[in-house]
Amino acid sequence: MTLSTQFITIITMIVSGVYLGASYHTFKRLERLWTSSILWKYVLEILFWLIQAVILYFILFFVNEGILRFYIFLAVLCGYAMFKSLFEQAFGRIVDTLIRIVLRIYRFLYRIIEIFVVKPIVFIVSLIVVSISKVFTALYSLLLILLKILGWPVKLILSILQPLLPKNAKKYLHPFYRFYSKIRKKE
């Protein structure tokens, strides 16, 4: 490995250490959003470090064909320390501002979708349900009125014909009369 390759490798790994510090700071800042489960927290922490290791190795692979030396770890550590001492406060303010902006945009979009999509759909569905129930209630009332109107002449004819029926026929019609009277009492 030539001297220029080693120099580029050290500079790249220092910048990668700064990147690692920034990404870890962002990860810890966003960790408040998913700390509901300890298991989930540990799984995400392990995944974060695995992804960062893969990213750093790909960077190292492009710079010096993936050759690992002790000074590479020192360069990453130096870059991380540089981030912690020089850039962490300013970067933290930038991340907090970006998170607030993203949350405001999310809340705005959520309200827009709720006002222009969800509430009209709920209103239309409730209007349809109420309309259908009112139509069925009206049809049921109309059917009852029609049955009373159509049943009145039948009842009149039966009341006229009842004295004329022979006693033998009345014996067979009597159970139907008891059944009809039970139904009528329930109304």
C-alpha atoms as a PDB file:
ATOM      1  CA  MET A   1       0.000   0.000   0.000  1.00  0.00           C
ATOM      2  CA  THR A   2       1.466   3.329  -1.037  1.00  0.00           C
ATOM      3  CA  LEU A   3       1.887   6.337   1.212  1.00  0.00           C
ATOM      4  CA  SER A   4      -0.812   8.327  -0.626  1.00  0.00           C
ATOM      5  CA  THR A   5      -3.265   5.428  -0.223  1.00  0.00           C
ATOM      6  CA  GLN A   6      -2.503   5.297   3.511  1.00  0.00           C
ATOM      7  CA  PHE A   7      -2.994   9.072   3.806  1.00  0.00           C
ATOM      8  CA  ILE A   8      -6.323   8.924   1.938  1.00  0.00           C
ATOM      9  CA  THR A   9      -7.330   5.961   4.121  1.00  0.00           C
ATOM     10  CA  ILE A  10      -6.576   7.852   7.346  1.00  0.00           C
ATOM     11  CA  ILE A  11      -8.431  10.981   6.199  1.00  0.00           C
ATOM     12  CA  THR A  12     -11.384   8.901   5.007  1.00  0.00           C
ATOM     13  CA  MET A  13     -11.542   6.970   8.283  1.00  0.00           C
ATOM     14  CA  ILE A  14     -11.407  10.216  10.307  1.00  0.00           C
ATOM     15  CA  VAL A  15     -14.350  11.524   8.252  1.00  0.00           C
ATOM     16  CA  SER A  16     -16.040   8.142   8.738  1.00  0.00           C
ATOM     17  CA  GLY A  17     -15.553   8.541  12.492  1.00  0.00           C
ATOM     18  CA  VAL A  18     -17.271  11.936  12.300  1.00  0.00           C
ATOM     19  CA  TYR A  19     -20.058  10.284  10.303  1.00  0.00           C
ATOM     20  CA  LEU A  20     -20.289   7.511  12.902  1.00  0.00           C
ATOM     21  CA  GLY A  21     -20.595  10.076  15.700  1.00  0.00           C
ATOM     22  CA  ALA A  22     -23.288  11.993  13.815  1.00  0.00           C
ATOM     23  CA  SER A  23     -25.275   8.871  12.986  1.00  0.00           C
ATOM     24  CA  TYR A  24     -25.021   7.565  16.557  1.00  0.00           C
ATOM     25  CA  HIS A  25     -26.135  10.935  17.939  1.00  0.00           C
ATOM     26  CA  THR A  26     -29.105  10.927  15.551  1.00  0.00           C
ATOM     27  CA  PHE A  27     -29.911   7.319  16.471  1.00  0.00           C
ATOM     28  CA  LYS A  28     -29.888   8.141  20.184  1.00  0.00           C
ATOM     29  CA  ARG A  29     -32.017  11.241  19.604  1.00  0.00           C
ATOM     30  CA  LEU A  30     -34.596   9.210  17.663  1.00  0.00           C
ATOM     31  CA  GLU A  31     -34.426   6.322  20.129  1.00  0.00           C
ATOM     32  CA  ARG A  32     -36.974   8.109  22.315  1.00  0.00           C
ATOM     33  CA  LEU A  33     -39.600   7.283  19.698  1.00  0.00           C
ATOM     34  CA  TRP A  34     -39.316   3.495  20.007  1.00  0.00           C
ATOM     35  CA  THR A  35     -38.266   2.835  23.607  1.00  0.00           C
ATOM     36  CA  SER A  36     -41.559   1.119  24.390  1.00  0.00           C
ATOM     37  CA  SER A  37     -39.932  -2.325  24.549  1.00  0.00           C
ATOM     38  CA  ILE A  38     -36.513  -3.222  25.948  1.00  0.00           C
ATOM     39  CA  LEU A  39     -36.163  -6.112  23.513  1.00  0.00           C
ATOM     40  CA  TRP A  40     -36.994  -3.845  20.569  1.00  0.00           C
ATOM     41  CA  LYS A  41     -34.445  -1.308  21.845  1.00  0.00           C
ATOM     42  CA  TYR A  42     -31.648  -3.908  21.958  1.00  0.00           C
ATOM     43  CA  VAL A  43     -32.540  -5.351  18.572  1.00  0.00           C
ATOM     44  CA  LEU A  44     -32.419  -1.899  16.984  1.00  0.00           C
ATOM     45  CA  GLU A  45     -29.122  -1.104  18.718  1.00  0.00           C
ATOM     46  CA  ILE A  46     -27.529  -4.284  17.372  1.00  0.00           C
ATOM     47  CA  LEU A  47     -28.926  -3.628  13.888  1.00  0.00           C
ATOM     48  CA  PHE A  48     -27.608  -0.055  14.006  1.00  0.00           C
ATOM     49  CA  TRP A  49     -24.070  -1.172  14.845  1.00  0.00           C
ATOM     50  CA  LEU A  50     -24.127  -3.946  12.240  1.00  0.00           C
ATOM     51  CA  ILE A  51     -25.254  -1.508   9.540  1.00  0.00           C
ATOM     52  CA  GLN A  52     -22.600   1.023  10.582  1.00  0.00           C
ATOM     53  CA  ALA A  53     -19.904  -1.670  10.487  1.00  0.00           C
ATOM     54  CA  VAL A  54     -20.976  -2.671   6.974  1.00  0.00           C
ATOM     55  CA  ILE A  55     -21.002   0.970   5.819  1.00  0.00           C
ATOM     56  CA  LEU A  56     -17.552   1.662   7.276  1.00  0.00           C
ATOM     57  CA  TYR A  57     -16.139  -1.503   5.734  1.00  0.00           C
ATOM     58  CA  PHE A  58     -17.546  -0.576   2.303  1.00  0.00           C
ATOM     59  CA  ILE A  59     -15.948   2.839   2.600  1.00  0.00           C
ATOM     60  CA  LEU A  60     -12.667   1.177   3.576  1.00  0.00           C
ATOM     61  CA  PHE A  61     -13.050  -1.280   0.705  1.00  0.00           C
ATOM     62  CA  PHE A  62     -13.402   1.528  -1.839  1.00  0.00           C
ATOM     63  CA  VAL A  63     -10.438   3.425  -0.397  1.00  0.00           C
ATOM     64  CA  ASN A  64      -7.837   0.700   0.172  1.00  0.00           C
ATOM     65  CA  GLU A  65      -9.456  -2.568  -0.962  1.00  0.00           C
ATOM     66  CA  GLY A  66     -10.624  -3.493   2.552  1.00  0.00           C
ATOM     67  CA  ILE A  67      -7.240  -3.856   4.247  1.00  0.00           C
ATOM     68  CA  LEU A  68      -7.675  -3.490   7.999  1.00  0.00           C
ATOM     69  CA  ARG A  69      -4.811  -2.045  10.034  1.00  0.00           C
ATOM     70  CA  PHE A  70      -4.616  -0.871  13.634  1.00  0.00           C
ATOM     71  CA  TYR A  71      -4.280   2.805  12.650  1.00  0.00           C
ATOM     72  CA  ILE A  72      -7.629   2.598  10.821  1.00  0.00           C
ATOM     73  CA  PHE A  73      -9.403   1.913  14.123  1.00  0.00           C
ATOM     74  CA  LEU A  74      -7.458   4.773  15.709  1.00  0.00           C
ATOM     75  CA  ALA A  75      -8.501   7.089  12.833  1.00  0.00           C
ATOM     76  CA  VAL A  76     -12.178   6.181  13.294  1.00  0.00           C
ATOM     77  CA  LEU A  77     -11.847   6.745  17.033  1.00  0.00           C
ATOM     78  CA  CYS A  78     -10.126  10.085  16.373  1.00  0.00           C
ATOM     79  CA  GLY A  79     -12.931  11.147  14.028  1.00  0.00           C
ATOM     80  CA  TYR A  80     -15.540  10.130  16.601  1.00  0.00           C
ATOM     81  CA  ALA A  81     -13.718  12.140  19.277  1.00  0.00           C
ATOM     82  CA  MET A  82     -13.542  15.097  16.869  1.00  0.00           C
ATOM     83  CA  PHE A  83     -17.293  14.940  16.384  1.00  0.00           C
ATOM     84  CA  LYS A  84     -17.947  14.717  20.145  1.00  0.00           C
ATOM     85  CA  SER A  85     -15.739  17.692  20.944  1.00  0.00           C
ATOM     86  CA  LEU A  86     -16.306  20.007  17.965  1.00  0.00           C
ATOM     87  CA  PHE A  87     -19.576  19.254  16.221  1.00  0.00           C
ATOM     88  CA  GLU A  88     -21.938  17.545  18.666  1.00  0.00           C
ATOM     89  CA  GLN A  89     -23.707  20.631  20.063  1.00  0.00           C
ATOM     90  CA  ALA A  90     -24.259  22.295  16.689  1.00  0.00           C
ATOM     91  CA  PHE A  91     -25.294  18.999  15.111  1.00  0.00           C
ATOM     92  CA  GLY A  92     -27.681  18.326  18.022  1.00  0.00           C
ATOM     93  CA  ARG A  93     -29.412  21.662  17.451  1.00  0.00           C
ATOM     94  CA  ILE A  94     -29.674  20.947  13.722  1.00  0.00           C
ATOM     95  CA  VAL A  95     -31.132  17.473  14.377  1.00  0.00           C
ATOM     96  CA  ASP A  96     -33.628  18.847  16.921  1.00  0.00           C
ATOM     97  CA  THR A  97     -34.714  21.530  14.458  1.00  0.00           C
ATOM     98  CA  LEU A  98     -35.104  18.972  11.662  1.00  0.00           C
ATOM     99  CA  ILE A  99     -37.104  16.662  13.927  1.00  0.00           C
ATOM    100  CA  ARG A 100     -39.414  19.535  14.906  1.00  0.00           C
ATOM    101  CA  ILE A 101     -39.882  20.474  11.237  1.00  0.00           C
ATOM    102  CA  VAL A 102     -40.622  16.867  10.253  1.00  0.00           C
ATOM    103  CA  LEU A 103     -43.079  16.491  13.144  1.00  0.00           C
ATOM    104  CA  ARG A 104     -44.856  19.709  12.167  1.00  0.00           C
ATOM    105  CA  ILE A 105     -45.081  18.567   8.538  1.00  0.00           C
ATOM    106  CA  TYR A 106     -46.369  15.165   9.711  1.00  0.00           C
ATOM    107  CA  ARG A 107     -48.999  16.763  11.957  1.00  0.00           C
ATOM    108  CA  PHE A 108     -50.040  19.131   9.164  1.00  0.00           C
ATOM    109  CA  LEU A 109     -50.395  16.294   6.644  1.00  0.00           C
ATOM    110  CA  TYR A 110     -52.221  14.189   9.234  1.00  0.00           C
ATOM    111  CA  ARG A 111     -54.727  16.990   9.855  1.00  0.00           C
ATOM    112  CA  ILE A 112     -55.155  17.632   6.111  1.00  0.00           C
ATOM    113  CA  ILE A 113     -55.846  13.946   5.457  1.00  0.00           C
ATOM    114  CA  GLU A 114     -58.176  13.782   8.447  1.00  0.00           C
ATOM    115  CA  ILE A 115     -60.123  16.887   7.396  1.00  0.00           C
ATOM    116  CA  PHE A 116     -60.291  16.284   3.643  1.00  0.00           C
ATOM    117  CA  VAL A 117     -60.391  12.478   3.431  1.00  0.00           C
ATOM    118  CA  VAL A 118     -61.413  10.753   6.669  1.00  0.00           C
ATOM    119  CA  LYS A 119     -64.130  13.101   7.911  1.00  0.00           C
ATOM    120  CA  PRO A 120     -65.934  13.327   4.535  1.00  0.00           C
ATOM    121  CA  ILE A 121     -65.880   9.531   4.206  1.00  0.00           C
ATOM    122  CA  VAL A 122     -67.231   9.126   7.747  1.00  0.00           C
ATOM    123  CA  PHE A 123     -69.908  11.745   7.023  1.00  0.00           C
ATOM    124  CA  ILE A 124     -70.940  10.076   3.751  1.00  0.00           C
ATOM    125  CA  VAL A 125     -71.062   6.600   5.312  1.00  0.00           C
ATOM    126  CA  SER A 126     -73.094   7.835   8.295  1.00  0.00           C
ATOM    127  CA  LEU A 127     -75.420   9.721   5.928  1.00  0.00           C
ATOM    128  CA  ILE A 128     -75.945   6.561   3.869  1.00  0.00           C
ATOM    129  CA  VAL A 129     -76.577   4.450   6.982  1.00  0.00           C
ATOM    130  CA  VAL A 130     -79.066   6.956   8.395  1.00  0.00           C
ATOM    131  CA  SER A 131     -80.810   7.298   5.014  1.00  0.00           C
ATOM    132  CA  ILE A 132     -81.124   3.540   4.600  1.00  0.00           C
ATOM    133  CA  SER A 133     -82.480   3.122   8.140  1.00  0.00           C
ATOM    134  CA  LYS A 134     -85.002   5.919   7.586  1.00  0.00           C
ATOM    135  CA  VAL A 135     -86.113   4.351   4.281  1.00  0.00           C
ATOM    136  CA  PHE A 136     -86.571   0.942   5.935  1.00  0.00           C
ATOM    137  CA  THR A 137     -88.490   2.511   8.815  1.00  0.00           C
ATOM    138  CA  ALA A 138     -90.746   4.340   6.376  1.00  0.00           C
ATOM    139  CA  LEU A 139     -91.295   1.169   4.315  1.00  0.00           C
ATOM    140  CA  TYR A 140     -92.094  -0.806   7.478  1.00  0.00           C
ATOM    141  CA  SER A 141     -94.612   1.840   8.597  1.00  0.00           C
ATOM    142  CA  LEU A 142     -96.153   1.929   5.120  1.00  0.00           C
ATOM    143  CA  LEU A 143     -96.410  -1.864   5.078  1.00  0.00           C
ATOM    144  CA  LEU A 144     -98.175  -1.856   8.460  1.00  0.00           C
ATOM    145  CA  ILE A 145    -100.644   0.775   7.263  1.00  0.00           C
ATOM    146  CA  LEU A 146    -101.308  -1.205   4.057  1.00  0.00           C
ATOM    147  CA  LEU A 147    -101.849  -4.390   6.044  1.00  0.00           C
ATOM    148  CA  LYS A 148    -104.324  -2.606   8.316  1.00  0.00           C
ATOM    149  CA  ILE A 149    -106.133  -1.099   5.337  1.00  0.00           C
ATOM    150  CA  LEU A 150    -106.216  -4.418   3.470  1.00  0.00           C
ATOM    151  CA  GLY A 151    -106.980  -6.390   6.631  1.00  0.00           C
ATOM    152  CA  TRP A 152    -110.002  -4.306   7.563  1.00  0.00           C
ATOM    153  CA  PRO A 153    -112.268  -5.613   4.754  1.00  0.00           C
ATOM    154  CA  VAL A 154    -111.125  -9.181   5.460  1.00  0.00           C
ATOM    155  CA  LYS A 155    -111.908  -8.726   9.143  1.00  0.00           C
ATOM    156  CA  LEU A 156    -115.284  -7.217   8.273  1.00  0.00           C
ATOM    157  CA  ILE A 157    -116.086 -10.130   5.958  1.00  0.00           C
ATOM    158  CA  LEU A 158    -115.011 -12.657   8.592  1.00  0.00           C
ATOM    159  CA  SER A 159    -117.081 -10.972  11.291  1.00  0.00           C
ATOM    160  CA  ILE A 160    -120.119 -11.126   8.982  1.00  0.00           C
ATOM    161  CA  LEU A 161    -119.436 -14.738   7.980  1.00  0.00           C
ATOM    162  CA  GLN A 162    -118.635 -16.000  11.499  1.00  0.00           C
ATOM    163  CA  PRO A 163    -122.250 -16.417  12.628  1.00  0.00           C
ATOM    164  CA  LEU A 164    -123.053 -18.131   9.337  1.00  0.00           C
ATOM    165  CA  LEU A 165    -120.276 -20.748   9.687  1.00  0.00           C
ATOM    166  CA  PRO A 166    -121.334 -24.179  10.846  1.00  0.00           C
ATOM    167  CA  LYS A 167    -120.195 -25.335  14.270  1.00  0.00           C
ATOM    168  CA  ASN A 168    -117.999 -28.035  12.741  1.00  0.00           C
ATOM    169  CA  ALA A 169    -115.967 -25.404  10.799  1.00  0.00           C
ATOM    170  CA  LYS A 170    -115.691 -23.212  13.901  1.00  0.00           C
ATOM    171  CA  LYS A 171    -114.087 -26.114  15.742  1.00  0.00           C
ATOM    172  CA  TYR A 172    -111.216 -26.124  13.195  1.00  0.00           C
ATOM    173  CA  LEU A 173    -110.887 -22.340  13.095  1.00  0.00           C
ATOM    174  CA  HIS A 174    -110.812 -21.933  16.870  1.00  0.00           C
ATOM    175  CA  PRO A 175    -107.027 -22.743  17.310  1.00  0.00           C
ATOM    176  CA  PHE A 176    -106.181 -20.143  14.654  1.00  0.00           C
ATOM    177  CA  TYR A 177    -108.240 -17.593  16.527  1.00  0.00           C
ATOM    178  CA  ARG A 178    -106.313 -18.228  19.762  1.00  0.00           C
ATOM    179  CA  PHE A 179    -103.009 -17.920  17.897  1.00  0.00           C
ATOM    180  CA  TYR A 180    -104.122 -14.678  16.213  1.00  0.00           C
ATOM    181  CA  SER A 181    -105.327 -13.208  19.508  1.00  0.00           C
ATOM    182  CA  LYS A 182    -101.897 -13.896  21.101  1.00  0.00           C
ATOM    183  CA  ILE A 183    -100.182 -12.092  18.239  1.00  0.00           C
ATOM    184  CA  ARG A 184    -102.609  -9.210  18.452  1.00  0.00           C
ATOM    185  CA  LYS A 185    -102.091  -8.838  22.232  1.00  0.00           C
ATOM    186  CA  LYS A 186     -98.334  -8.453  21.704  1.00  0.00           C
ATOM    187  CA  GLU A 187     -98.859  -5.441  19.492  1.00  0.00           C
END
